[in-house]
Protein backbone atom coordinates (compact mmCIF):
# COMPACT_ATOMS: atom_id res chain seq x y z
CA MET A 1 0.43 -11.17 -30.59
CA ASP A 2 0.82 -7.04 -29.27
CA ILE A 3 5.00 -7.95 -29.63
CA LEU A 4 4.28 -9.49 -33.19
CA ILE A 5 2.30 -6.33 -34.17
CA TRP A 6 4.78 -4.01 -32.71
CA PHE A 7 7.16 -6.33 -34.72
CA LEU A 8 6.24 -5.85 -38.30
CA ILE A 9 5.42 -2.05 -37.11
CA SER A 10 8.79 -1.73 -36.45
CA VAL A 11 10.15 -3.21 -39.45
CA ILE A 12 8.20 -1.21 -41.86
CA ILE A 13 9.15 2.02 -40.06
CA PHE A 14 12.62 0.83 -40.93
CA PHE A 15 12.33 0.38 -44.44
CA ILE A 16 10.73 3.70 -44.85
CA TRP A 17 13.75 5.39 -43.38
CA VAL A 18 16.34 3.62 -45.30
CA ILE A 19 14.02 4.27 -48.30
CA VAL A 20 13.76 8.22 -47.49
CA PHE A 21 17.86 7.68 -46.68
CA ASP A 22 18.80 6.12 -49.76
CA THR A 23 16.56 7.90 -52.18
CA SER A 24 17.97 11.44 -50.81
CA ARG A 25 22.02 10.78 -50.94
CA PHE A 26 24.41 9.26 -53.38
CA THR A 27 27.98 7.64 -53.19
CA LEU A 28 31.06 7.84 -54.95
CA SER A 29 33.05 4.61 -56.94
CA SER A 30 36.17 5.27 -58.06
CA TYR A 31 38.18 2.86 -60.72
CA GLU A 32 41.44 3.44 -61.99
CA PHE A 33 42.47 1.66 -65.33
CA GLU A 34 45.95 1.98 -67.43
CA SER A 35 46.78 1.33 -71.00
CA GLU A 36 49.40 2.12 -73.37
CA LYS A 37 47.32 3.25 -75.54
CA ILE A 38 46.81 6.22 -73.50
CA LYS A 39 49.01 8.93 -73.52
CA LYS A 40 48.21 11.06 -70.28
CA ASN A 41 46.12 10.91 -66.99
CA VAL A 42 42.74 11.30 -67.68
CA ARG A 43 39.99 11.87 -64.91
CA VAL A 44 36.11 10.78 -66.00
CA VAL A 45 32.97 11.61 -64.47
CA PHE A 46 29.82 9.27 -65.22
CA LEU A 47 26.35 10.31 -64.30
CA SER A 48 23.50 7.68 -65.06
CA ASP A 49 19.75 7.59 -64.61
CA LEU A 50 19.60 11.24 -62.99
CA HIS A 51 15.54 11.03 -63.88
CA CYS A 52 15.31 14.52 -62.99
CA LYS A 53 16.29 14.13 -59.50
CA MET A 54 18.21 17.54 -57.52
CA TYR A 55 20.58 16.92 -54.95
CA GLY A 56 19.93 20.22 -53.05
CA GLU A 57 18.54 23.40 -54.95
CA GLY A 58 19.12 22.87 -58.38
CA GLY A 59 21.40 20.14 -58.15
CA THR A 60 23.66 22.05 -55.95
CA PHE A 61 25.08 19.31 -53.57
CA LEU A 62 25.73 17.09 -57.12
CA LEU A 63 27.36 19.92 -59.26
CA GLU A 64 29.82 20.95 -55.94
CA LYS A 65 31.03 17.28 -55.73
CA ILE A 66 31.71 17.01 -59.39
CA LYS A 67 33.58 20.57 -59.06
CA GLU A 68 35.65 18.83 -56.54
CA LEU A 69 36.62 16.21 -58.45
CA ASN A 70 37.79 18.42 -61.24
CA PRO A 71 37.46 16.11 -64.07
CA HIS A 72 38.56 16.51 -67.62
CA LEU A 73 35.66 15.35 -68.90
CA VAL A 74 32.27 14.55 -68.12
CA LEU A 75 30.01 11.46 -69.50
CA ILE A 76 26.58 10.80 -69.97
CA GLY A 77 25.08 7.62 -69.97
CA GLY A 78 21.02 8.69 -70.53
CA ASP A 79 17.84 9.01 -68.64
CA MET A 80 18.58 11.92 -67.11
CA ILE A 81 15.36 13.08 -67.35
CA THR A 82 11.78 10.92 -67.58
CA ALA A 83 9.94 10.47 -70.17
CA TYR A 84 6.34 10.85 -68.90
CA PRO A 85 3.43 13.48 -70.33
CA GLY A 86 3.69 17.00 -69.30
CA ARG A 87 7.05 16.24 -67.19
CA ARG A 88 9.35 19.57 -67.00
CA THR A 89 13.19 19.29 -68.15
CA ASP A 90 13.85 22.74 -66.87
CA LYS A 91 15.86 21.96 -64.20
CA VAL A 92 17.87 19.61 -65.23
CA GLU A 93 18.76 21.82 -68.49
CA ALA A 94 19.91 24.49 -65.87
CA PHE A 95 21.95 21.63 -63.76
CA LEU A 96 23.71 20.07 -66.86
CA LYS A 97 23.98 23.53 -68.65
CA GLU A 98 25.86 24.49 -65.09
CA LEU A 99 28.18 21.79 -65.06
CA ASN A 100 28.72 22.62 -69.02
CA LYS A 101 30.66 25.51 -68.22
CA SER A 102 33.29 24.06 -66.02
CA PHE A 103 33.53 20.44 -68.45
CA PRO A 104 33.40 19.62 -71.35
CA MET A 105 30.36 17.12 -72.02
CA VAL A 106 29.46 13.98 -73.96
CA TYR A 107 25.92 12.86 -73.38
CA ALA A 108 24.28 9.25 -75.11
CA PHE A 109 20.42 8.23 -75.06
CA GLY A 110 19.01 5.96 -72.55
CA ASN A 111 15.61 4.73 -73.22
CA HIS A 112 13.89 7.88 -71.83
CA GLU A 113 15.56 10.16 -73.86
CA LEU A 114 14.60 7.41 -76.88
CA ARG A 115 11.00 7.63 -76.40
CA LEU A 116 10.96 11.25 -75.84
CA LYS A 117 12.66 11.06 -79.37
CA LEU A 118 10.00 8.80 -80.55
CA TYR A 119 7.28 9.72 -79.81
CA PRO A 120 7.23 13.83 -79.91
CA ASP A 121 3.25 13.84 -80.22
CA THR A 122 3.08 11.94 -76.40
CA TYR A 123 5.41 13.82 -74.49
CA GLY A 124 4.42 17.57 -76.25
CA GLY A 125 7.30 17.77 -78.55
CA THR A 126 9.69 17.89 -75.57
CA TRP A 127 12.55 16.27 -76.76
CA ASP A 128 12.86 19.22 -79.76
CA LYS A 129 12.73 21.84 -76.58
CA TYR A 130 15.33 19.65 -74.95
CA THR A 131 18.50 18.99 -76.79
CA LYS A 132 17.51 22.60 -78.48
CA SER A 133 18.31 24.48 -75.09
CA LEU A 134 21.17 21.87 -74.56
CA SER A 135 22.47 22.42 -77.83
CA GLU A 136 22.30 26.06 -77.85
CA ALA A 137 24.48 25.65 -74.61
CA GLY A 138 27.52 23.74 -76.32
CA ILE A 139 26.57 20.28 -74.22
CA THR A 140 26.97 17.55 -77.35
CA ILE A 141 23.93 14.87 -77.17
CA THR A 142 24.15 12.36 -79.36
CA GLU A 143 22.15 9.05 -80.15
CA ASN A 144 25.10 7.44 -81.97
CA GLY A 145 28.46 8.46 -83.00
CA VAL A 146 32.24 9.09 -82.20
CA PHE A 147 34.27 11.52 -80.51
CA SER A 148 38.02 11.37 -80.67
CA LEU A 149 40.10 12.96 -77.88
CA GLU A 150 43.54 12.95 -79.87
CA ASP A 151 45.47 14.38 -77.41
CA THR A 152 44.37 11.78 -75.33
CA GLY A 153 44.55 8.62 -76.97
CA LEU A 154 40.94 8.33 -75.97
CA ASN A 155 37.94 7.61 -78.07
CA VAL A 156 34.30 7.86 -76.47
CA ILE A 157 31.21 5.72 -78.80
CA SER A 158 28.02 6.68 -77.82
CA PHE A 159 25.98 3.72 -78.37
CA SER A 160 21.94 3.77 -78.62
CA ALA A 161 19.94 0.16 -78.87
CA ASP A 162 16.71 0.52 -80.72
CA ARG A 163 13.88 0.09 -78.31
CA LYS A 164 12.93 -3.78 -79.03
CA TYR A 165 16.48 -4.24 -76.99
CA TYR A 166 13.93 -2.49 -73.96
CA LYS A 167 11.15 -4.66 -74.04
CA ARG A 168 9.95 -5.62 -70.45
CA MET A 169 9.10 -9.93 -69.91
CA LYS A 170 11.28 -10.53 -73.22
CA ASP A 171 15.07 -11.41 -74.26
CA THR A 172 16.29 -9.74 -77.72
CA THR A 173 18.98 -11.07 -79.01
CA MET A 174 21.96 -8.70 -79.72
CA ASP A 175 24.93 -9.26 -81.90
CA PRO A 176 28.16 -7.50 -81.91
CA SER A 177 27.94 -7.02 -85.39
CA TYR A 178 24.81 -5.23 -84.80
CA ILE A 179 26.66 -2.71 -82.55
CA GLU A 180 29.88 -2.52 -85.85
CA GLU A 181 26.47 -1.21 -87.93
CA THR A 182 25.44 1.23 -85.88
CA VAL A 183 28.86 2.78 -84.98
CA GLY A 184 31.67 0.93 -86.80
CA LYS A 185 34.56 -1.03 -85.46
CA PRO A 186 36.22 0.28 -82.51
CA ASP A 187 40.03 1.74 -83.04
CA PRO A 188 42.16 -0.63 -82.20
CA ALA A 189 44.90 2.05 -81.72
CA SER A 190 42.60 4.25 -79.42
CA TYR A 191 41.65 3.71 -75.93
CA ASN A 192 37.88 3.20 -76.51
CA ILE A 193 34.74 3.99 -74.17
CA MET A 194 31.09 3.28 -74.60
CA LEU A 195 28.26 4.58 -73.27
CA ALA A 196 25.69 1.50 -73.73
CA HIS A 197 22.68 2.29 -71.60
CA ASN A 198 21.36 -1.03 -70.80
CA PRO A 199 23.91 -3.47 -68.89
CA ILE A 200 22.09 -6.74 -70.09
CA TYR A 201 23.89 -7.09 -73.09
CA SER A 202 27.52 -6.65 -71.05
CA GLU A 203 28.81 -9.96 -72.69
CA VAL A 204 27.90 -8.55 -76.42
CA TYR A 205 30.03 -5.29 -75.07
CA ALA A 206 32.42 -6.95 -74.31
CA GLU A 207 32.62 -8.99 -77.42
CA TYR A 208 32.26 -5.91 -79.55
CA GLY A 209 35.99 -4.68 -78.31
CA ALA A 210 35.21 -1.44 -76.33
CA ASP A 211 38.26 -1.13 -73.79
CA ILE A 212 35.45 0.32 -70.68
CA THR A 213 32.11 -0.05 -71.45
CA LEU A 214 29.70 2.59 -68.93
CA CYS A 215 25.99 1.31 -68.66
CA GLY A 216 23.22 1.99 -66.04
CA HIS A 217 19.34 1.57 -66.56
CA LEU A 218 18.66 -0.48 -63.92
CA HIS A 219 19.04 1.56 -60.51
CA GLY A 220 21.16 -0.98 -59.39
CA GLY A 221 18.47 -3.89 -59.02
CA LEU A 222 16.25 -1.19 -56.79
CA VAL A 223 16.81 -3.46 -53.61
CA ARG A 224 20.56 -4.80 -53.17
CA ILE A 225 20.84 -7.66 -50.03
CA PRO A 226 24.04 -10.09 -49.82
CA VAL A 227 24.22 -13.51 -51.60
CA PRO A 228 26.16 -16.59 -50.49
CA VAL A 229 29.36 -16.11 -52.71
CA SER A 230 32.21 -18.48 -52.23
CA ARG A 231 35.76 -16.71 -51.52
CA LYS A 232 36.88 -18.30 -55.35
CA LYS A 233 33.76 -16.75 -56.71
CA ILE A 234 34.93 -13.56 -55.09
CA GLU A 235 38.68 -13.81 -56.34
CA GLU A 236 37.09 -14.17 -59.77
CA GLY A 237 35.06 -10.97 -59.46
CA ALA A 238 31.63 -12.18 -58.26
CA HIS A 239 29.71 -9.79 -56.33
CA VAL A 240 28.59 -10.25 -52.71
CA MET A 241 25.71 -7.31 -53.11
CA ARG A 242 23.28 -8.04 -55.90
CA GLY A 243 20.71 -6.20 -57.32
CA VAL A 244 17.02 -7.91 -57.02
CA PHE A 245 14.82 -6.29 -59.57
CA SER A 246 15.56 -5.77 -63.19
CA PRO A 247 13.65 -3.65 -65.19
CA LYS A 248 12.32 -6.86 -67.43
CA LEU A 249 10.74 -7.99 -64.63
CA SER A 250 13.12 -10.68 -64.20
CA LEU A 251 14.67 -11.38 -60.32
CA PHE A 252 18.73 -11.06 -59.60
CA PRO A 253 19.83 -9.83 -63.16
CA LYS A 254 23.96 -11.42 -63.64
CA TYR A 255 24.74 -7.55 -64.82
CA ASP A 256 23.30 -5.04 -61.71
CA ALA A 257 25.90 -2.90 -60.86
CA GLY A 258 29.89 -2.39 -60.53
CA LYS A 259 33.00 -3.03 -62.27
CA PHE A 260 32.59 -6.45 -64.41
CA ASP A 261 35.75 -8.00 -66.03
CA ILE A 262 34.67 -9.91 -69.36
CA LYS A 263 36.75 -11.53 -72.08
CA GLY A 264 39.61 -9.00 -71.47
CA HIS A 265 37.61 -5.65 -71.20
CA HIS A 266 35.76 -4.15 -68.48
CA VAL A 267 32.28 -2.89 -68.20
CA ILE A 268 31.23 -0.59 -65.21
CA ILE A 269 27.54 -0.17 -64.36
CA SER A 270 26.00 3.00 -62.44
CA ARG A 271 23.33 2.60 -59.63
CA GLY A 272 22.56 5.53 -61.23
CA LEU A 273 21.34 8.91 -58.95
CA GLY A 274 17.66 9.03 -59.20
CA THR A 275 14.74 6.95 -59.64
CA HIS A 276 10.91 6.78 -61.46
CA SER A 277 7.62 5.01 -61.56
CA ILE A 278 8.25 3.53 -58.05
CA PRO A 279 10.82 5.64 -56.03
CA VAL A 280 11.92 2.76 -54.39
CA ARG A 281 16.14 2.01 -53.53
CA VAL A 282 17.19 -0.41 -50.20
CA PHE A 283 20.30 -0.10 -49.06
CA ASN A 284 21.10 1.04 -52.27
CA PRO A 285 21.79 4.84 -52.56
CA GLY A 286 22.59 6.83 -56.06
CA GLU A 287 26.22 6.54 -57.26
CA LEU A 288 28.43 8.74 -58.81
CA VAL A 289 31.09 7.25 -60.94
CA VAL A 290 34.34 8.34 -60.96
CA ILE A 291 37.28 7.18 -63.77
CA ASP A 292 40.88 7.84 -63.44
CA LEU A 293 42.68 6.69 -67.01
CA LYS A 294 46.30 6.64 -67.07
CA PRO A 295 49.09 5.46 -69.20
CA THR A 296 51.13 2.50 -68.55
CA GLY A 297 53.63 3.09 -65.82
CA GLY A 298 52.35 6.85 -65.55
CA VAL A 299 52.11 8.91 -62.53
C-alpha cells in the first residue's frame, strides 16, 4: 500500500511539474509555402491566444524572439486578452505597442474580443479603452475586412464569426456563403491568408477558398497525447499527437493543432501562447508560428 501511495504521489508531482513547465514556455513552429501568386519573399509571424500571458517582464522573451525572426508582417488571430470583469489589459497593450514599433500588424477578433465588444456594461468599457489605445499606436484592429499588400501579392482576410459559432455543447452549421457575405469572395489573383479564430470549421474555410487559414482557440486541446496512427494515415497527413479537449467540451477535436491540407488549401492551427479559466497545458507548450511565403521557384 505504501508503494502505491508513493507512486501516486510521484505521478501527481510529475504532472504538476509538466503543467508548470509547459505553461511557462513556448516553442517555434515553422512552415514554408510557394505560389506563383506570391510576388516576393514574405515572412509572417502568427500570434494567437496570449490571454494576457507575459513571457518575461513585459513580454520581453516573446518580443525578442519575434525580433530575431524579423518578419515582414505580424498577424494576430485573436484572444490576446481575456474577457473577465476587472481584468487589466495594460500589459498586453504595452507589449503590442512595442511590437508595432518594429513590424506592421493586423489584429483580428477572437471570441474574447468579440465578447468584450458585445457586452460593454459587463466588462466596464474595457473594449473601447483597449482598442482606442492600440489604434492610436497605429495597430490595425479589425472584426471583418480585407487588407491588400499589393507589392507582395498577398491579401489578409480578417473573418470574425458570430458568437453562435462558439456555443458549447452545441454544433452550429456554417456555410461558406456566410463567410462570403461577411468578407466577400477571395481574390483569385492574390495569395489569400485568412484569420479565422475557431478551427472547428476548418473544412468550411478550405471550401471558402483562402490559400491559408490561420486559427487558434483550442489551445492545442490543453492536454496532448500520442494516439495510434497507421503509416498510411501519417503519409496522408494524420497527426500522431492529438489534443484531448475542445472548448465545446468534446473530446479529441479533429482539428486541434498543426497543419492540415484540406481540398487543396492549408489550415494552420496554433496551440496559442497562454491559458485562461483552467491554466493547464500538458505536453503542450505555447506556440509561436512563423510562415515563409515564396514565389514559385524563388530563392
